[in-house]
């Protein structure tokens, strides 16, 4: 809880500094746009955070969104799919892709980095192939008002993507912190060998986590597709996995696995989007977004390394003290 509190204080301080530098930060339209971005990025960042807790990584999220966006457009505008069937099919495809990643990692013992890096390249290539490398969109197709509302609408002034994020975060919080699956997930991330000896089916836990990540990626992909109203197969979702990883690391997820929280991931997403918003308000070239992300990930990993070493030193000191007491008592 200390990590989450520290990140939240940092977020508040950053908001205050940003508002002092540029009062437009507090404009209603800017806050709504900011909340919309936090919602859209936060949903798939939660999935990425769960994967990181297992000690894995997911690099194909952005390319998967590009492929899913292309498929969604083609299903609704070219193939004549009913809306409900198209959405279910899209989420199903994403979950199958996640399952494929999980099986390759757990059954063939392949490294998550390699599996998902191949996915990053493969999905982007398939998206460009099936679309003939043409930008796809939704145009004026009737019956899509509800989906457009989910991406661009407001509920009592609150952007719908942010509302969806809160709902999904609440459900995921219960699953992660108040369920058997959550306990098994943390145990698998901390020490998979010990978890197996304790009777935990670590392979199924990891595979299921990649499936969940795929489903959350699909939900974010739907939001992004209708938010932009067009999908360029070459760059739609490009580098989004970096935003998700940065948000999770900022939120306290350790790349070693076994640590993290849903609240921390949401706060980390908000902090990252405020940083991006500050870059825009200061009219700094948008190309520096990647520099900001790189710095954020580096600082997050450095902080995790420092805190881990301090904790290990404290644990060693406590063990030595206990051993000394036992020696004296005997």
Protein backbone atom coordinates (compact mmCIF):
# COMPACT_ATOMS: atom_id res chain seq x y z
CA UNK A 1 0.00 0.00 0.00
CA UNK A 2 2.98 2.31 0.56
CA UNK A 3 3.87 2.15 -3.13
CA UNK A 4 0.34 3.09 -4.22
CA UNK A 5 0.24 5.99 -1.75
CA UNK A 6 3.60 7.28 -2.94
CA UNK A 7 2.57 7.10 -6.60
CA UNK A 8 -0.72 8.85 -5.83
CA UNK A 9 1.11 11.69 -4.03
CA UNK A 10 3.41 11.98 -7.05
CA UNK A 11 0.37 12.15 -9.34
CA UNK A 12 -1.21 14.93 -7.27
CA UNK A 13 2.04 16.90 -7.22
CA UNK A 14 2.43 16.50 -10.98
CA UNK A 15 -1.14 17.71 -11.56
CA UNK A 16 -0.54 20.77 -9.39
CA UNK A 17 2.71 21.58 -11.21
CA UNK A 18 1.07 21.09 -14.61
CA UNK A 19 -1.87 23.33 -13.70
CA UNK A 20 0.51 26.05 -12.49
CA UNK A 21 2.55 25.87 -15.67
CA UNK A 22 -0.54 25.91 -17.89
CA UNK A 23 -3.99 26.67 -16.39
CA UNK A 24 -5.59 25.08 -19.47
CA UNK A 25 -4.82 21.76 -17.80
CA UNK A 26 -7.86 22.30 -15.56
CA UNK A 27 -10.19 23.12 -18.46
CA UNK A 28 -13.16 20.77 -18.55
CA UNK A 29 -12.51 19.67 -22.13
CA UNK A 30 -8.86 18.86 -21.32
CA UNK A 31 -9.79 16.91 -18.20
CA UNK A 32 -12.40 14.95 -20.16
CA UNK A 33 -9.90 14.13 -22.90
CA UNK A 34 -7.37 13.14 -20.25
CA UNK A 35 -9.88 10.85 -18.52
CA UNK A 36 -10.79 9.31 -21.88
CA UNK A 37 -7.14 8.50 -22.57
CA UNK A 38 -6.65 7.14 -19.05
CA UNK A 39 -9.66 4.87 -19.52
CA UNK A 40 -8.65 3.54 -22.93
CA UNK A 41 -5.02 2.92 -21.95
CA UNK A 42 -5.82 1.76 -18.44
CA UNK A 43 -8.00 -1.18 -19.48
CA UNK A 44 -5.31 -3.04 -21.39
CA UNK A 45 -2.63 -1.87 -18.94
CA UNK A 46 -4.42 -3.89 -16.25
CA UNK A 47 -4.08 -6.98 -18.44
CA UNK A 48 -0.41 -6.25 -19.00
CA UNK A 49 0.06 -5.75 -15.26
CA UNK A 50 -1.39 -9.19 -14.55
CA UNK A 51 1.03 -10.74 -17.03
CA UNK A 52 3.96 -8.88 -15.44
CA UNK A 53 2.91 -10.18 -12.00
CA UNK A 54 3.41 -13.72 -13.35
CA UNK A 55 6.96 -12.74 -14.25
CA UNK A 56 6.11 -12.58 -17.96
CA UNK A 57 5.81 -9.85 -20.54
CA UNK A 58 3.41 -9.06 -23.40
CA UNK A 59 4.87 -7.12 -26.32
CA UNK A 60 2.20 -7.79 -28.94
CA UNK A 61 -0.62 -5.66 -27.51
CA UNK A 62 -0.26 -2.79 -29.98
CA UNK A 63 -0.06 -5.03 -33.04
CA UNK A 64 -2.96 -7.10 -31.74
CA UNK A 65 -5.04 -3.92 -31.51
CA UNK A 66 -4.14 -3.11 -35.10
CA UNK A 67 -5.28 -6.56 -36.24
CA UNK A 68 -8.44 -6.49 -34.11
CA UNK A 69 -9.33 -3.01 -35.37
CA UNK A 70 -8.98 -4.11 -38.99
CA UNK A 71 -11.06 -7.24 -38.38
CA UNK A 72 -13.77 -5.26 -36.57
CA UNK A 73 -14.07 -2.78 -39.41
CA UNK A 74 -14.22 -5.51 -42.04
CA UNK A 75 -16.75 -7.55 -40.07
CA UNK A 76 -19.09 -4.58 -39.70
CA UNK A 77 -18.65 -2.88 -43.08
CA UNK A 78 -17.72 -5.66 -45.50
CA UNK A 79 -18.72 -9.03 -44.15
CA UNK A 80 -22.12 -8.07 -42.77
CA UNK A 81 -21.67 -9.41 -39.24
CA UNK A 82 -24.35 -8.42 -36.71
CA UNK A 83 -22.85 -6.08 -34.11
CA UNK A 84 -23.17 -8.49 -31.20
CA UNK A 85 -21.64 -11.38 -33.12
CA UNK A 86 -18.78 -9.16 -34.35
CA UNK A 87 -17.92 -8.02 -30.83
CA UNK A 88 -18.05 -11.54 -29.41
CA UNK A 89 -15.97 -12.85 -32.31
CA UNK A 90 -13.40 -10.10 -31.79
CA UNK A 91 -13.04 -10.78 -28.07
CA UNK A 92 -12.92 -14.51 -28.81
CA UNK A 93 -10.10 -14.02 -31.33
CA UNK A 94 -8.13 -11.95 -28.81
CA UNK A 95 -8.60 -14.59 -26.11
CA UNK A 96 -7.47 -17.34 -28.49
CA UNK A 97 -4.35 -15.35 -29.34
CA UNK A 98 -3.68 -14.90 -25.63
CA UNK A 99 -4.22 -18.62 -25.09
CA UNK A 100 -1.74 -19.35 -27.87
CA UNK A 101 0.86 -17.20 -26.14
CA UNK A 102 0.17 -18.91 -22.81
CA UNK A 103 0.46 -22.41 -24.27
CA UNK A 104 3.70 -21.66 -26.09
CA UNK A 105 5.16 -20.25 -22.87
CA UNK A 106 3.93 -22.95 -20.49
CA UNK A 107 3.87 -26.10 -22.66
CA UNK A 108 6.91 -25.50 -24.86
CA UNK A 109 8.81 -23.51 -22.22
CA UNK A 110 9.46 -20.65 -24.62
CA UNK A 111 10.46 -17.25 -23.25
CA UNK A 112 7.53 -14.76 -23.00
CA UNK A 113 9.74 -12.09 -24.60
CA UNK A 114 10.32 -14.21 -27.72
CA UNK A 115 6.73 -15.42 -28.02
CA UNK A 116 5.17 -11.99 -27.75
CA UNK A 117 7.86 -10.31 -29.86
CA UNK A 118 6.99 -12.76 -32.64
CA UNK A 119 3.33 -11.91 -32.04
CA UNK A 120 4.12 -8.21 -32.39
CA UNK A 121 5.56 -8.83 -35.86
CA UNK A 122 3.08 -11.50 -36.94
CA UNK A 123 -0.14 -9.65 -36.04
CA UNK A 124 1.03 -6.43 -37.66
CA UNK A 125 1.88 -8.32 -40.84
CA UNK A 126 -1.46 -10.15 -40.90
CA UNK A 127 -3.33 -6.87 -40.34
CA UNK A 128 -1.60 -5.31 -43.32
CA UNK A 129 -2.18 -8.40 -45.46
CA UNK A 130 -5.91 -8.89 -44.85
CA UNK A 131 -6.58 -5.17 -45.35
CA UNK A 132 -4.35 -4.89 -48.44
CA UNK A 133 -2.46 -2.30 -46.40
CA UNK A 134 -5.44 0.06 -46.70
CA UNK A 135 -6.87 2.17 -43.90
CA UNK A 136 -10.18 0.78 -42.67
CA UNK A 137 -12.99 2.69 -40.99
CA UNK A 138 -16.62 2.57 -39.99
CA UNK A 139 -17.93 5.50 -42.03
CA UNK A 140 -21.62 6.08 -41.55
CA UNK A 141 -22.62 2.48 -40.88
CA UNK A 142 -25.96 2.50 -39.04
CA UNK A 143 -26.46 0.89 -35.65
CA UNK A 144 -23.03 1.73 -34.27
CA UNK A 145 -24.16 4.64 -32.11
CA UNK A 146 -23.74 2.70 -28.89
CA UNK A 147 -20.15 1.74 -29.73
CA UNK A 148 -19.37 5.32 -30.69
CA UNK A 149 -20.88 6.38 -27.37
CA UNK A 150 -18.60 3.95 -25.50
CA UNK A 151 -15.57 5.51 -27.16
CA UNK A 152 -16.53 9.18 -27.35
CA UNK A 153 -19.58 9.68 -25.14
CA UNK A 154 -19.90 10.92 -21.57
CA UNK A 155 -21.96 9.64 -18.67
CA UNK A 156 -22.88 12.55 -16.37
CA UNK A 157 -19.88 14.38 -17.78
CA UNK A 158 -17.50 11.44 -17.21
CA UNK A 159 -16.04 9.87 -20.39
CA UNK A 160 -17.30 6.34 -20.95
CA UNK A 161 -13.83 4.77 -21.34
CA UNK A 162 -13.02 6.02 -17.84
CA UNK A 163 -16.30 4.59 -16.52
CA UNK A 164 -15.46 1.23 -18.12
CA UNK A 165 -11.98 1.38 -16.58
CA UNK A 166 -13.40 1.86 -13.09
CA UNK A 167 -15.81 -1.06 -13.56
CA UNK A 168 -13.12 -3.37 -14.95
CA UNK A 169 -10.60 -2.25 -12.31
CA UNK A 170 -13.11 -3.01 -9.52
CA UNK A 171 -13.80 -6.49 -10.90
CA UNK A 172 -10.10 -7.19 -11.43
CA UNK A 173 -9.27 -5.92 -7.92
CA UNK A 174 -11.65 -8.49 -6.42
CA UNK A 175 -10.26 -11.26 -8.64
CA UNK A 176 -6.62 -10.37 -7.94
CA UNK A 177 -6.76 -9.49 -4.24
CA UNK A 178 -9.74 -11.47 -2.95
CA UNK A 179 -9.75 -14.77 -4.84
CA UNK A 180 -7.84 -18.04 -5.01
CA UNK A 181 -6.71 -17.18 -8.54
CA UNK A 182 -5.11 -13.97 -7.26
CA UNK A 183 -3.23 -15.78 -4.49
CA UNK A 184 -2.03 -18.39 -6.95
CA UNK A 185 -1.01 -15.66 -9.40
CA UNK A 186 1.19 -13.88 -6.87
CA UNK A 187 2.67 -17.18 -5.70
CA UNK A 188 3.50 -18.15 -9.28
CA UNK A 189 5.17 -14.81 -9.92
CA UNK A 190 7.22 -14.84 -6.70
CA UNK A 191 8.51 -18.39 -6.96
CA UNK A 192 7.04 -20.69 -9.63
CA UNK A 193 9.03 -23.69 -8.42
CA UNK A 194 7.77 -23.34 -4.84
CA UNK A 195 4.24 -22.73 -6.14
CA UNK A 196 4.37 -26.02 -8.08
CA UNK A 197 5.56 -27.90 -5.00
CA UNK A 198 2.65 -26.33 -3.12
CA UNK A 199 0.24 -27.93 -5.57
CA UNK A 200 -0.54 -24.87 -7.71
CA UNK A 201 -1.04 -25.54 -11.41
CA UNK A 202 1.25 -22.72 -12.47
CA UNK A 203 0.96 -23.53 -16.18
CA UNK A 204 -2.81 -23.02 -16.20
CA UNK A 205 -2.49 -19.88 -14.07
CA UNK A 206 -0.05 -18.30 -16.53
CA UNK A 207 -2.04 -19.37 -19.59
CA UNK A 208 -5.27 -18.00 -18.09
CA UNK A 209 -3.54 -14.69 -17.37
CA UNK A 210 -2.58 -14.28 -21.03
CA UNK A 211 -6.18 -15.07 -22.01
CA UNK A 212 -7.45 -12.34 -19.66
CA UNK A 213 -4.88 -9.93 -21.09
CA UNK A 214 -6.16 -10.74 -24.59
CA UNK A 215 -9.76 -10.04 -23.58
CA UNK A 216 -8.87 -6.67 -22.02
CA UNK A 217 -6.81 -5.81 -25.10
CA UNK A 218 -9.88 -6.46 -27.25
CA UNK A 219 -12.03 -4.12 -25.13
CA UNK A 220 -9.43 -1.36 -25.40
CA UNK A 221 -9.07 -2.13 -29.11
CA UNK A 222 -12.79 -1.55 -29.67
CA UNK A 223 -12.60 1.76 -27.83
CA UNK A 224 -9.55 2.96 -29.78
CA UNK A 225 -11.04 1.88 -33.12
CA UNK A 226 -14.21 3.92 -32.60
CA UNK A 227 -12.34 6.77 -30.95
CA UNK A 228 -10.26 7.30 -34.07
CA UNK A 229 -13.03 6.02 -36.40
CA UNK A 230 -10.30 4.66 -38.67
CA UNK A 231 -7.70 1.93 -38.44
CA UNK A 232 -4.40 2.15 -40.28
CA UNK A 233 -2.98 -1.40 -40.28
CA UNK A 234 0.58 -0.09 -40.47
CA UNK A 235 0.55 2.03 -37.30
CA UNK A 236 -2.74 1.66 -35.38
CA UNK A 237 -1.80 0.82 -31.79
CA UNK A 238 1.89 1.24 -32.53
CA UNK A 239 3.99 1.05 -29.32
CA UNK A 240 0.89 0.90 -27.08
CA UNK A 241 2.46 -2.03 -25.26
CA UNK A 242 5.17 0.36 -24.07
CA UNK A 243 2.55 2.65 -22.52
CA UNK A 244 1.01 -0.34 -20.75
CA UNK A 245 4.33 -1.65 -19.48
CA UNK A 246 5.36 1.83 -18.30
CA UNK A 247 2.02 2.27 -16.50
CA UNK A 248 2.33 -1.11 -14.78
CA UNK A 249 5.94 -0.50 -13.73
CA UNK A 250 5.04 2.98 -12.47
CA UNK A 251 2.15 1.42 -10.58
CA UNK A 252 4.42 -0.89 -8.62
CA UNK A 253 4.46 -4.06 -10.74
CA UNK A 254 7.88 -5.64 -10.49
CA UNK A 255 9.35 -7.00 -13.71
CA UNK A 256 10.68 -9.86 -11.57
CA UNK A 257 7.10 -10.92 -10.94
CA UNK A 258 5.09 -11.47 -7.78
CA UNK A 259 4.32 -7.81 -7.04
CA UNK A 260 1.67 -5.37 -8.20
CA UNK A 261 -1.85 -4.10 -7.63
CA UNK A 262 -4.77 -2.96 -9.72
CA UNK A 263 -4.96 0.40 -7.94
CA UNK A 264 -1.28 0.97 -8.61
CA UNK A 265 -1.70 0.19 -12.31
CA UNK A 266 -4.61 2.65 -12.62
CA UNK A 267 -2.63 5.37 -10.85
CA UNK A 268 0.41 4.58 -12.99
CA UNK A 269 -1.70 4.95 -16.13
CA UNK A 270 -3.03 8.29 -14.92
CA UNK A 271 0.47 9.50 -14.09
CA UNK A 272 1.79 8.54 -17.51
CA UNK A 273 -1.10 10.22 -19.32
CA UNK A 274 -0.67 13.40 -17.26
CA UNK A 275 2.99 13.41 -18.31
CA UNK A 276 1.93 13.08 -21.96
CA UNK A 277 -0.64 15.82 -21.48
CA UNK A 278 2.04 18.06 -19.98
CA UNK A 279 4.20 17.45 -23.06
CA UNK A 280 1.31 18.54 -25.29
CA UNK A 281 0.43 21.60 -23.22
CA UNK A 282 4.03 22.77 -23.26
CA UNK A 283 4.06 22.24 -27.04
CA UNK A 284 7.02 19.92 -26.76
CA UNK A 285 7.44 17.77 -29.91
CA UNK A 286 5.28 14.66 -29.64
CA UNK A 287 8.25 12.56 -30.70
CA UNK A 288 9.53 12.99 -27.14
CA UNK A 289 6.67 10.78 -25.94
CA UNK A 290 8.97 7.81 -26.39
CA UNK A 291 11.75 9.56 -24.47
CA UNK A 292 9.31 10.16 -21.62
CA UNK A 293 8.25 6.49 -21.65
CA UNK A 294 11.86 5.32 -21.67
CA UNK A 295 12.71 7.55 -18.74
CA UNK A 296 9.62 6.42 -16.84
CA UNK A 297 10.39 2.72 -17.31
CA UNK A 298 14.03 3.27 -16.34
CA UNK A 299 13.14 5.19 -13.19
CA UNK A 300 10.52 2.59 -12.26
CA UNK A 301 12.94 -0.31 -12.65
CA UNK A 302 15.65 1.57 -10.72
CA UNK A 303 13.22 2.25 -7.88
CA UNK A 304 12.13 -1.38 -7.83
CA UNK A 305 15.78 -2.50 -7.70
CA UNK A 306 16.57 -0.14 -4.82
CA UNK A 307 13.47 -1.11 -2.80
CA UNK A 308 14.08 -4.82 -3.39
CA UNK A 309 17.69 -4.61 -2.21
CA UNK A 310 16.65 -2.67 0.90
CA UNK A 311 13.94 -5.22 1.68
CA UNK A 312 16.38 -8.09 1.21
CA UNK A 313 18.90 -6.43 3.52
CA UNK A 314 16.21 -5.95 6.18
CA UNK A 315 15.15 -9.59 5.89
CA UNK A 316 18.75 -10.78 6.18
CA UNK A 317 19.29 -8.55 9.21
CA UNK A 318 16.12 -9.90 10.86
CA UNK A 319 17.18 -13.49 10.22
CA UNK A 320 20.62 -12.83 11.72
CA UNK A 321 19.04 -11.21 14.74
CA UNK A 322 16.70 -14.17 15.24
CA UNK A 323 19.60 -16.59 14.89
CA UNK A 324 21.59 -14.61 17.46
CA UNK A 325 18.67 -14.67 19.91
CA UNK A 326 18.23 -18.41 19.47
CA UNK A 327 21.95 -18.93 20.04
CA UNK A 328 21.84 -16.87 23.25
CA UNK A 329 18.77 -18.65 24.57
CA UNK A 330 20.36 -22.03 24.00
